[in-house]
Amino acid sequence: MRAVLVIAAVAVLLLVGFGGTMSKAETQYICSPMSGTLIGADGAPAAGVTVRRDWRHNKDSGSDQTSTDASGAFSFTAVPGPRKRWFSGLSTPVIDQRYFATIGGQEVQIMFLTSTSLTPLHETDGRPFKVTCKLGGEPRVGNMGRGYCTLN
């Protein structure tokens, strides 16, 4: 009888104390790997442009940058997040990503994303994260948040 009570108490602690569901540990991502092409206002590839990504998740934040190649292509690697816990938390993560291009000494925000998931490719609902960013005109609100980029 005592063994049954101990087993029942452990089961209650695991189910109630840890949020009700358990899953194996897996890597989560603050930012997914992505690639893009930057096109100038004249329609030509924007070569040699610095592209910076700033990100924020809870109290964590960071920044990385790259440069476009001769065809205007750029890419960023994934930013790993916290390891997934044994249990599903009750809070929803909020991740902000901002992308900037520096052209002629002037910095322009080309894309802004907010997402609420740490799963791979969360920004694009699981699709490969590849964008085309065309400078010039007014920034638009679309499938990639506010900015000059569209999902390919």
C-alpha atoms as a PDB file:
ATOM      1  CA  MET A   1       0.000   0.000   0.000  1.00  0.00           C
ATOM      2  CA  ARG A   2       2.787   2.399   0.893  1.00  0.00           C
ATOM      3  CA  ALA A   3       4.561   1.723  -2.431  1.00  0.00           C
ATOM      4  CA  VAL A   4       1.340   2.534  -4.308  1.00  0.00           C
ATOM      5  CA  LEU A   5       1.030   5.869  -2.483  1.00  0.00           C
ATOM      6  CA  VAL A   6       4.652   6.766  -3.258  1.00  0.00           C
ATOM      7  CA  ILE A   7       4.174   5.938  -6.943  1.00  0.00           C
ATOM      8  CA  ALA A   8       0.946   7.956  -7.036  1.00  0.00           C
ATOM      9  CA  ALA A   9       2.647  10.940  -5.363  1.00  0.00           C
ATOM     10  CA  VAL A  10       5.523  10.848  -7.860  1.00  0.00           C
ATOM     11  CA  ALA A  11       3.061  10.672 -10.764  1.00  0.00           C
ATOM     12  CA  VAL A  12       1.146  13.683  -9.450  1.00  0.00           C
ATOM     13  CA  LEU A  13       4.366  15.687  -9.031  1.00  0.00           C
ATOM     14  CA  LEU A  14       5.464  14.842 -12.557  1.00  0.00           C
ATOM     15  CA  LEU A  15       2.138  15.691 -14.157  1.00  0.00           C
ATOM     16  CA  VAL A  16       1.019  18.681 -12.112  1.00  0.00           C
ATOM     17  CA  GLY A  17       4.324  20.089 -10.932  1.00  0.00           C
ATOM     18  CA  PHE A  18       5.861  20.080 -14.387  1.00  0.00           C
ATOM     19  CA  GLY A  19       3.051  21.565 -16.448  1.00  0.00           C
ATOM     20  CA  GLY A  20       1.193  18.402 -17.387  1.00  0.00           C
ATOM     21  CA  THR A  21       3.099  17.272 -20.462  1.00  0.00           C
ATOM     22  CA  MET A  22       6.614  16.037 -20.914  1.00  0.00           C
ATOM     23  CA  SER A  23       8.784  15.793 -23.978  1.00  0.00           C
ATOM     24  CA  LYS A  24      12.378  14.845 -24.588  1.00  0.00           C
ATOM     25  CA  ALA A  25      14.959  17.622 -24.611  1.00  0.00           C
ATOM     26  CA  GLU A  26      15.515  19.181 -28.032  1.00  0.00           C
ATOM     27  CA  THR A  27      17.221  22.262 -29.383  1.00  0.00           C
ATOM     28  CA  GLN A  28      15.101  25.345 -29.831  1.00  0.00           C
ATOM     29  CA  TYR A  29      15.965  28.327 -32.011  1.00  0.00           C
ATOM     30  CA  ILE A  30      15.728  32.047 -31.360  1.00  0.00           C
ATOM     31  CA  CYS A  31      16.574  32.683 -35.027  1.00  0.00           C
ATOM     32  CA  SER A  32      16.405  30.099 -37.798  1.00  0.00           C
ATOM     33  CA  PRO A  33      19.074  29.874 -40.476  1.00  0.00           C
ATOM     34  CA  MET A  34      18.145  32.139 -43.374  1.00  0.00           C
ATOM     35  CA  SER A  35      19.384  33.411 -46.705  1.00  0.00           C
ATOM     36  CA  GLY A  36      18.410  36.334 -48.850  1.00  0.00           C
ATOM     37  CA  THR A  37      19.159  38.561 -51.782  1.00  0.00           C
ATOM     38  CA  LEU A  38      19.408  42.331 -51.492  1.00  0.00           C
ATOM     39  CA  ILE A  39      18.410  44.315 -54.573  1.00  0.00           C
ATOM     40  CA  GLY A  40      18.990  48.048 -54.903  1.00  0.00           C
ATOM     41  CA  ALA A  41      16.355  50.614 -55.876  1.00  0.00           C
ATOM     42  CA  ASP A  42      17.678  50.417 -59.464  1.00  0.00           C
ATOM     43  CA  GLY A  43      16.931  46.665 -59.620  1.00  0.00           C
ATOM     44  CA  ALA A  44      20.604  45.627 -59.627  1.00  0.00           C
ATOM     45  CA  PRO A  45      22.096  43.319 -56.967  1.00  0.00           C
ATOM     46  CA  ALA A  46      23.407  45.301 -53.999  1.00  0.00           C
ATOM     47  CA  ALA A  47      26.961  43.949 -53.662  1.00  0.00           C
ATOM     48  CA  GLY A  48      29.251  44.607 -50.691  1.00  0.00           C
ATOM     49  CA  VAL A  49      26.464  45.791 -48.388  1.00  0.00           C
ATOM     50  CA  THR A  50      26.659  45.069 -44.653  1.00  0.00           C
ATOM     51  CA  VAL A  51      23.510  43.312 -43.381  1.00  0.00           C
ATOM     52  CA  ARG A  52      22.992  43.110 -39.609  1.00  0.00           C
ATOM     53  CA  ARG A  53      20.540  40.995 -37.624  1.00  0.00           C
ATOM     54  CA  ASP A  54      19.556  42.053 -34.080  1.00  0.00           C
ATOM     55  CA  TRP A  55      17.493  39.659 -32.015  1.00  0.00           C
ATOM     56  CA  ARG A  56      15.851  39.645 -28.595  1.00  0.00           C
ATOM     57  CA  HIS A  57      14.237  36.849 -26.591  1.00  0.00           C
ATOM     58  CA  ASN A  58      13.296  37.558 -22.972  1.00  0.00           C
ATOM     59  CA  LYS A  59      16.475  38.906 -21.351  1.00  0.00           C
ATOM     60  CA  ASP A  60      18.731  37.481 -24.068  1.00  0.00           C
ATOM     61  CA  SER A  61      19.740  39.607 -27.024  1.00  0.00           C
ATOM     62  CA  GLY A  62      22.416  39.608 -29.649  1.00  0.00           C
ATOM     63  CA  SER A  63      23.558  40.799 -33.007  1.00  0.00           C
ATOM     64  CA  ASP A  64      25.499  39.398 -35.948  1.00  0.00           C
ATOM     65  CA  GLN A  65      26.322  40.689 -39.388  1.00  0.00           C
ATOM     66  CA  THR A  66      27.441  39.613 -42.838  1.00  0.00           C
ATOM     67  CA  SER A  67      28.056  41.224 -46.222  1.00  0.00           C
ATOM     68  CA  THR A  68      26.330  40.636 -49.541  1.00  0.00           C
ATOM     69  CA  ASP A  69      28.326  39.024 -52.328  1.00  0.00           C
ATOM     70  CA  ALA A  70      28.500  40.193 -55.963  1.00  0.00           C
ATOM     71  CA  SER A  71      24.984  38.854 -56.624  1.00  0.00           C
ATOM     72  CA  GLY A  72      23.538  40.557 -53.529  1.00  0.00           C
ATOM     73  CA  ALA A  73      23.251  37.237 -51.632  1.00  0.00           C
ATOM     74  CA  PHE A  74      23.646  37.044 -47.850  1.00  0.00           C
ATOM     75  CA  SER A  75      22.956  34.452 -45.163  1.00  0.00           C
ATOM     76  CA  PHE A  76      22.839  33.985 -41.414  1.00  0.00           C
ATOM     77  CA  THR A  77      23.285  30.833 -39.345  1.00  0.00           C
ATOM     78  CA  ALA A  78      20.804  29.721 -36.700  1.00  0.00           C
ATOM     79  CA  VAL A  79      20.876  31.219 -33.208  1.00  0.00           C
ATOM     80  CA  PRO A  80      20.237  28.347 -30.794  1.00  0.00           C
ATOM     81  CA  GLY A  81      17.972  29.053 -27.883  1.00  0.00           C
ATOM     82  CA  PRO A  82      17.449  27.385 -24.553  1.00  0.00           C
ATOM     83  CA  ARG A  83      17.173  23.624 -24.396  1.00  0.00           C
ATOM     84  CA  LYS A  84      13.562  22.486 -24.305  1.00  0.00           C
ATOM     85  CA  ARG A  85      12.604  21.473 -20.799  1.00  0.00           C
ATOM     86  CA  TRP A  86      11.177  18.136 -19.829  1.00  0.00           C
ATOM     87  CA  PHE A  87       7.828  19.843 -19.593  1.00  0.00           C
ATOM     88  CA  SER A  88       5.858  22.318 -21.632  1.00  0.00           C
ATOM     89  CA  GLY A  89       5.876  25.717 -19.983  1.00  0.00           C
ATOM     90  CA  LEU A  90       2.769  27.806 -19.735  1.00  0.00           C
ATOM     91  CA  SER A  91       4.312  31.001 -21.142  1.00  0.00           C
ATOM     92  CA  THR A  92       4.569  31.898 -24.825  1.00  0.00           C
ATOM     93  CA  PRO A  93       7.993  33.045 -25.997  1.00  0.00           C
ATOM     94  CA  VAL A  94       8.276  36.318 -27.888  1.00  0.00           C
ATOM     95  CA  ILE A  95      11.192  36.702 -30.283  1.00  0.00           C
ATOM     96  CA  ASP A  96      11.940  39.956 -32.108  1.00  0.00           C
ATOM     97  CA  GLN A  97      14.321  40.051 -35.068  1.00  0.00           C
ATOM     98  CA  ARG A  98      15.354  43.203 -36.900  1.00  0.00           C
ATOM     99  CA  TYR A  99      17.436  43.244 -40.065  1.00  0.00           C
ATOM    100  CA  PHE A 100      19.359  46.307 -41.264  1.00  0.00           C
ATOM    101  CA  ALA A 101      21.367  47.105 -44.413  1.00  0.00           C
ATOM    102  CA  THR A 102      24.030  49.812 -44.447  1.00  0.00           C
ATOM    103  CA  ILE A 103      24.241  51.486 -47.853  1.00  0.00           C
ATOM    104  CA  GLY A 104      26.364  54.551 -48.482  1.00  0.00           C
ATOM    105  CA  GLY A 105      26.889  55.030 -44.746  1.00  0.00           C
ATOM    106  CA  GLN A 106      23.131  55.042 -44.078  1.00  0.00           C
ATOM    107  CA  GLU A 107      21.456  52.235 -42.138  1.00  0.00           C
ATOM    108  CA  VAL A 108      18.030  51.096 -43.349  1.00  0.00           C
ATOM    109  CA  GLN A 109      15.812  48.604 -41.538  1.00  0.00           C
ATOM    110  CA  ILE A 110      14.887  46.063 -44.203  1.00  0.00           C
ATOM    111  CA  MET A 111      12.847  43.589 -42.159  1.00  0.00           C
ATOM    112  CA  PHE A 112      11.212  43.226 -38.740  1.00  0.00           C
ATOM    113  CA  LEU A 113       9.851  39.920 -37.449  1.00  0.00           C
ATOM    114  CA  THR A 114       8.058  38.982 -34.260  1.00  0.00           C
ATOM    115  CA  SER A 115       7.340  35.341 -33.577  1.00  0.00           C
ATOM    116  CA  THR A 116       6.048  33.283 -30.669  1.00  0.00           C
ATOM    117  CA  SER A 117       7.793  29.959 -31.149  1.00  0.00           C
ATOM    118  CA  LEU A 118      11.259  28.501 -30.674  1.00  0.00           C
ATOM    119  CA  THR A 119      10.803  25.696 -33.213  1.00  0.00           C
ATOM    120  CA  PRO A 120      13.043  25.481 -36.311  1.00  0.00           C
ATOM    121  CA  LEU A 121      11.844  27.777 -39.137  1.00  0.00           C
ATOM    122  CA  HIS A 122       9.175  29.248 -36.833  1.00  0.00           C
ATOM    123  CA  GLU A 123       9.383  32.542 -38.720  1.00  0.00           C
ATOM    124  CA  THR A 124       8.142  30.955 -41.953  1.00  0.00           C
ATOM    125  CA  ASP A 125       5.779  28.259 -40.645  1.00  0.00           C
ATOM    126  CA  GLY A 126       8.355  25.564 -41.419  1.00  0.00           C
ATOM    127  CA  ARG A 127       9.202  26.643 -44.971  1.00  0.00           C
ATOM    128  CA  PRO A 128      12.817  27.367 -45.974  1.00  0.00           C
ATOM    129  CA  PHE A 129      13.663  30.867 -44.801  1.00  0.00           C
ATOM    130  CA  LYS A 130      14.787  32.635 -47.996  1.00  0.00           C
ATOM    131  CA  VAL A 131      13.898  36.244 -48.742  1.00  0.00           C
ATOM    132  CA  THR A 132      14.336  38.865 -51.438  1.00  0.00           C
ATOM    133  CA  CYS A 133      14.748  42.397 -50.150  1.00  0.00           C
ATOM    134  CA  LYS A 134      14.232  45.225 -52.623  1.00  0.00           C
ATOM    135  CA  LEU A 135      15.249  48.675 -51.451  1.00  0.00           C
ATOM    136  CA  GLY A 136      13.454  51.812 -52.509  1.00  0.00           C
ATOM    137  CA  GLY A 137       9.861  52.880 -52.126  1.00  0.00           C
ATOM    138  CA  GLU A 138       7.936  52.556 -48.919  1.00  0.00           C
ATOM    139  CA  PRO A 139       8.326  49.656 -46.504  1.00  0.00           C
ATOM    140  CA  ARG A 140       5.336  47.341 -46.603  1.00  0.00           C
ATOM    141  CA  VAL A 141       3.558  45.073 -44.173  1.00  0.00           C
ATOM    142  CA  GLY A 142       3.454  41.551 -45.556  1.00  0.00           C
ATOM    143  CA  ASN A 143       4.305  37.936 -44.934  1.00  0.00           C
ATOM    144  CA  MET A 144       7.704  38.903 -43.448  1.00  0.00           C
ATOM    145  CA  GLY A 145       6.556  41.627 -41.090  1.00  0.00           C
ATOM    146  CA  ARG A 146       7.241  45.280 -41.850  1.00  0.00           C
ATOM    147  CA  GLY A 147      10.058  46.036 -44.297  1.00  0.00           C
ATOM    148  CA  TYR A 148      11.332  45.594 -47.818  1.00  0.00           C
ATOM    149  CA  CYS A 149      11.603  41.789 -47.883  1.00  0.00           C
ATOM    150  CA  THR A 150       9.313  39.085 -49.223  1.00  0.00           C
ATOM    151  CA  LEU A 151       9.505  35.343 -48.630  1.00  0.00           C
ATOM    152  CA  ASN A 152      10.589  33.356 -51.692  1.00  0.00           C
END
